[in-house]
Amino acid sequence: MKSLALTLVLLVGSLSPMVAQSKLDFTLKNDTGVVIAEVYVTPNHSDDWEDDIMGKDVLPNGDSVDITFSRTEKTCNWDLKIVDERDEEIEWTELDLCTASHITLQYKGKKATAIIK
């Protein structure tokens, strides 16, 4: 009986990293100097930005929002695009969402950078 319980604990423990890896949740902080009206996240190899994940909400400069989503793609590298309140687009490419829990977007001098933690 003890060996069955240990086997179940080991099996459940080994599944947890796989479940965690499929979730790509992160906190997004806006340090761009603009109000973010739309956010798009897509696998790095995709040509389609798909849907705005902000919906009707906006993200003022200096604020943060929790981004929650799970995807079936087996990639860690994702691209992120924002559209600001003046309909200007800014893109960040190859963000590693498998290891990121907090992403701070910056945009200074027409250069887009991201601090990933």
C-alpha atoms as a PDB file:
ATOM      1  CA  MET A   1       0.000   0.000   0.000  1.00  0.00           C
ATOM      2  CA  LYS A   2       2.829   2.404   0.841  1.00  0.00           C
ATOM      3  CA  SER A   3       4.461   1.793  -2.536  1.00  0.00           C
ATOM      4  CA  LEU A   4       1.171   2.572  -4.325  1.00  0.00           C
ATOM      5  CA  ALA A   5       0.829   5.843  -2.404  1.00  0.00           C
ATOM      6  CA  LEU A   6       4.442   6.760  -3.180  1.00  0.00           C
ATOM      7  CA  THR A   7       3.910   5.927  -6.858  1.00  0.00           C
ATOM      8  CA  LEU A   8       0.844   8.201  -6.981  1.00  0.00           C
ATOM      9  CA  VAL A   9       2.711  11.040  -5.275  1.00  0.00           C
ATOM     10  CA  LEU A  10       5.606  10.707  -7.718  1.00  0.00           C
ATOM     11  CA  LEU A  11       3.231  10.522 -10.684  1.00  0.00           C
ATOM     12  CA  VAL A  12       1.271  13.589  -9.603  1.00  0.00           C
ATOM     13  CA  GLY A  13       4.507  15.424  -8.822  1.00  0.00           C
ATOM     14  CA  SER A  14       5.881  14.640 -12.260  1.00  0.00           C
ATOM     15  CA  LEU A  15       2.712  15.932 -13.952  1.00  0.00           C
ATOM     16  CA  SER A  16       2.782  19.292 -12.165  1.00  0.00           C
ATOM     17  CA  PRO A  17       5.690  20.741 -14.209  1.00  0.00           C
ATOM     18  CA  MET A  18       3.913  19.783 -17.444  1.00  0.00           C
ATOM     19  CA  VAL A  19       0.744  21.546 -16.328  1.00  0.00           C
ATOM     20  CA  ALA A  20       2.729  24.595 -15.245  1.00  0.00           C
ATOM     21  CA  GLN A  21       4.563  24.726 -18.566  1.00  0.00           C
ATOM     22  CA  SER A  22       1.313  24.849 -20.546  1.00  0.00           C
ATOM     23  CA  LYS A  23       0.177  27.975 -18.708  1.00  0.00           C
ATOM     24  CA  LEU A  24       1.747  31.142 -19.984  1.00  0.00           C
ATOM     25  CA  ASP A  25       0.402  33.563 -17.381  1.00  0.00           C
ATOM     26  CA  PHE A  26       2.372  36.698 -16.549  1.00  0.00           C
ATOM     27  CA  THR A  27       1.998  40.176 -15.104  1.00  0.00           C
ATOM     28  CA  LEU A  28       2.360  42.907 -17.717  1.00  0.00           C
ATOM     29  CA  LYS A  29       3.596  46.313 -16.555  1.00  0.00           C
ATOM     30  CA  ASN A  30       3.243  49.323 -18.814  1.00  0.00           C
ATOM     31  CA  ASP A  31       6.337  51.540 -18.671  1.00  0.00           C
ATOM     32  CA  THR A  32       6.005  52.752 -22.272  1.00  0.00           C
ATOM     33  CA  GLY A  33       4.883  56.313 -21.615  1.00  0.00           C
ATOM     34  CA  VAL A  34       1.581  55.723 -23.443  1.00  0.00           C
ATOM     35  CA  VAL A  35      -1.823  54.323 -22.522  1.00  0.00           C
ATOM     36  CA  ILE A  36      -2.164  50.781 -23.879  1.00  0.00           C
ATOM     37  CA  ALA A  37      -5.559  50.243 -25.505  1.00  0.00           C
ATOM     38  CA  GLU A  38      -4.953  46.790 -27.034  1.00  0.00           C
ATOM     39  CA  VAL A  39      -2.599  43.859 -26.361  1.00  0.00           C
ATOM     40  CA  TYR A  40      -1.943  40.960 -28.733  1.00  0.00           C
ATOM     41  CA  VAL A  41       0.167  37.893 -27.959  1.00  0.00           C
ATOM     42  CA  THR A  42       1.005  35.305 -30.610  1.00  0.00           C
ATOM     43  CA  PRO A  43       3.548  32.523 -31.094  1.00  0.00           C
ATOM     44  CA  ASN A  44       6.761  33.868 -32.618  1.00  0.00           C
ATOM     45  CA  HIS A  45       6.281  31.886 -35.840  1.00  0.00           C
ATOM     46  CA  SER A  46       2.697  33.106 -36.456  1.00  0.00           C
ATOM     47  CA  ASP A  47       1.598  35.750 -38.956  1.00  0.00           C
ATOM     48  CA  ASP A  48      -1.779  36.272 -37.234  1.00  0.00           C
ATOM     49  CA  TRP A  49      -2.120  38.527 -34.187  1.00  0.00           C
ATOM     50  CA  GLU A  50      -5.531  37.024 -33.345  1.00  0.00           C
ATOM     51  CA  ASP A  51      -7.725  38.822 -30.758  1.00  0.00           C
ATOM     52  CA  ASP A  52      -7.026  41.726 -28.424  1.00  0.00           C
ATOM     53  CA  ILE A  53      -6.640  40.197 -24.962  1.00  0.00           C
ATOM     54  CA  MET A  54      -7.377  43.485 -23.156  1.00  0.00           C
ATOM     55  CA  GLY A  55     -10.969  43.638 -24.337  1.00  0.00           C
ATOM     56  CA  LYS A  56     -12.494  47.006 -23.471  1.00  0.00           C
ATOM     57  CA  ASP A  57      -9.960  47.750 -20.732  1.00  0.00           C
ATOM     58  CA  VAL A  58      -6.967  50.065 -21.075  1.00  0.00           C
ATOM     59  CA  LEU A  59      -3.633  49.971 -19.257  1.00  0.00           C
ATOM     60  CA  PRO A  60      -2.363  53.406 -18.211  1.00  0.00           C
ATOM     61  CA  ASN A  61       1.367  54.073 -18.045  1.00  0.00           C
ATOM     62  CA  GLY A  62       2.791  52.801 -14.756  1.00  0.00           C
ATOM     63  CA  ASP A  63      -0.004  50.263 -14.171  1.00  0.00           C
ATOM     64  CA  SER A  64       0.090  46.468 -14.348  1.00  0.00           C
ATOM     65  CA  VAL A  65      -2.365  43.770 -15.391  1.00  0.00           C
ATOM     66  CA  ASP A  66      -2.344  39.993 -14.993  1.00  0.00           C
ATOM     67  CA  ILE A  67      -2.435  38.222 -18.361  1.00  0.00           C
ATOM     68  CA  THR A  68      -3.874  34.703 -18.111  1.00  0.00           C
ATOM     69  CA  PHE A  69      -4.005  32.282 -21.001  1.00  0.00           C
ATOM     70  CA  SER A  70      -3.126  28.732 -21.958  1.00  0.00           C
ATOM     71  CA  ARG A  71      -2.188  27.677 -25.457  1.00  0.00           C
ATOM     72  CA  THR A  72      -1.496  24.360 -27.101  1.00  0.00           C
ATOM     73  CA  GLU A  73       1.574  25.587 -28.996  1.00  0.00           C
ATOM     74  CA  LYS A  74       4.828  23.963 -27.896  1.00  0.00           C
ATOM     75  CA  THR A  75       6.851  27.168 -28.147  1.00  0.00           C
ATOM     76  CA  CYS A  76       8.261  29.384 -25.432  1.00  0.00           C
ATOM     77  CA  ASN A  77       8.960  32.341 -27.753  1.00  0.00           C
ATOM     78  CA  TRP A  78       6.048  34.708 -28.223  1.00  0.00           C
ATOM     79  CA  ASP A  79       5.587  38.100 -29.836  1.00  0.00           C
ATOM     80  CA  LEU A  80       3.612  40.868 -28.177  1.00  0.00           C
ATOM     81  CA  LYS A  81       2.045  43.897 -29.820  1.00  0.00           C
ATOM     82  CA  ILE A  82       0.321  46.846 -28.217  1.00  0.00           C
ATOM     83  CA  VAL A  83      -1.832  49.516 -29.771  1.00  0.00           C
ATOM     84  CA  ASP A  84      -1.842  52.785 -27.876  1.00  0.00           C
ATOM     85  CA  GLU A  85      -4.664  55.293 -27.501  1.00  0.00           C
ATOM     86  CA  ARG A  86      -3.542  57.042 -30.730  1.00  0.00           C
ATOM     87  CA  ASP A  87      -3.718  53.747 -32.689  1.00  0.00           C
ATOM     88  CA  GLU A  88       0.077  53.498 -32.947  1.00  0.00           C
ATOM     89  CA  GLU A  89       1.496  49.953 -32.821  1.00  0.00           C
ATOM     90  CA  ILE A  90       4.601  48.835 -30.917  1.00  0.00           C
ATOM     91  CA  GLU A  91       5.962  45.269 -31.074  1.00  0.00           C
ATOM     92  CA  TRP A  92       8.214  43.121 -28.900  1.00  0.00           C
ATOM     93  CA  THR A  93       9.491  39.849 -30.362  1.00  0.00           C
ATOM     94  CA  GLU A  94      10.717  36.522 -29.013  1.00  0.00           C
ATOM     95  CA  LEU A  95       9.616  36.961 -25.400  1.00  0.00           C
ATOM     96  CA  ASP A  96      10.203  33.728 -23.443  1.00  0.00           C
ATOM     97  CA  LEU A  97       6.856  33.195 -21.725  1.00  0.00           C
ATOM     98  CA  CYS A  98       7.869  29.791 -20.341  1.00  0.00           C
ATOM     99  CA  THR A  99      10.166  31.476 -17.823  1.00  0.00           C
ATOM    100  CA  ALA A 100       8.534  34.901 -17.487  1.00  0.00           C
ATOM    101  CA  SER A 101       6.247  35.776 -14.613  1.00  0.00           C
ATOM    102  CA  HIS A 102       6.577  39.555 -14.918  1.00  0.00           C
ATOM    103  CA  ILE A 103       7.175  41.583 -18.089  1.00  0.00           C
ATOM    104  CA  THR A 104       7.763  45.332 -18.043  1.00  0.00           C
ATOM    105  CA  LEU A 105       7.319  46.955 -21.446  1.00  0.00           C
ATOM    106  CA  GLN A 106       9.411  50.026 -22.189  1.00  0.00           C
ATOM    107  CA  TYR A 107       9.467  52.283 -25.219  1.00  0.00           C
ATOM    108  CA  LYS A 108      12.000  55.088 -25.351  1.00  0.00           C
ATOM    109  CA  GLY A 109      13.516  56.784 -28.360  1.00  0.00           C
ATOM    110  CA  LYS A 110      11.461  54.598 -30.710  1.00  0.00           C
ATOM    111  CA  LYS A 111      13.129  51.509 -29.222  1.00  0.00           C
ATOM    112  CA  ALA A 112      10.955  48.766 -27.704  1.00  0.00           C
ATOM    113  CA  THR A 113      12.539  46.828 -24.827  1.00  0.00           C
ATOM    114  CA  ALA A 114      11.168  44.422 -22.239  1.00  0.00           C
ATOM    115  CA  ILE A 115      12.419  43.574 -18.773  1.00  0.00           C
ATOM    116  CA  ILE A 116      11.549  39.941 -18.082  1.00  0.00           C
ATOM    117  CA  LYS A 117      11.597  38.406 -14.608  1.00  0.00           C
END
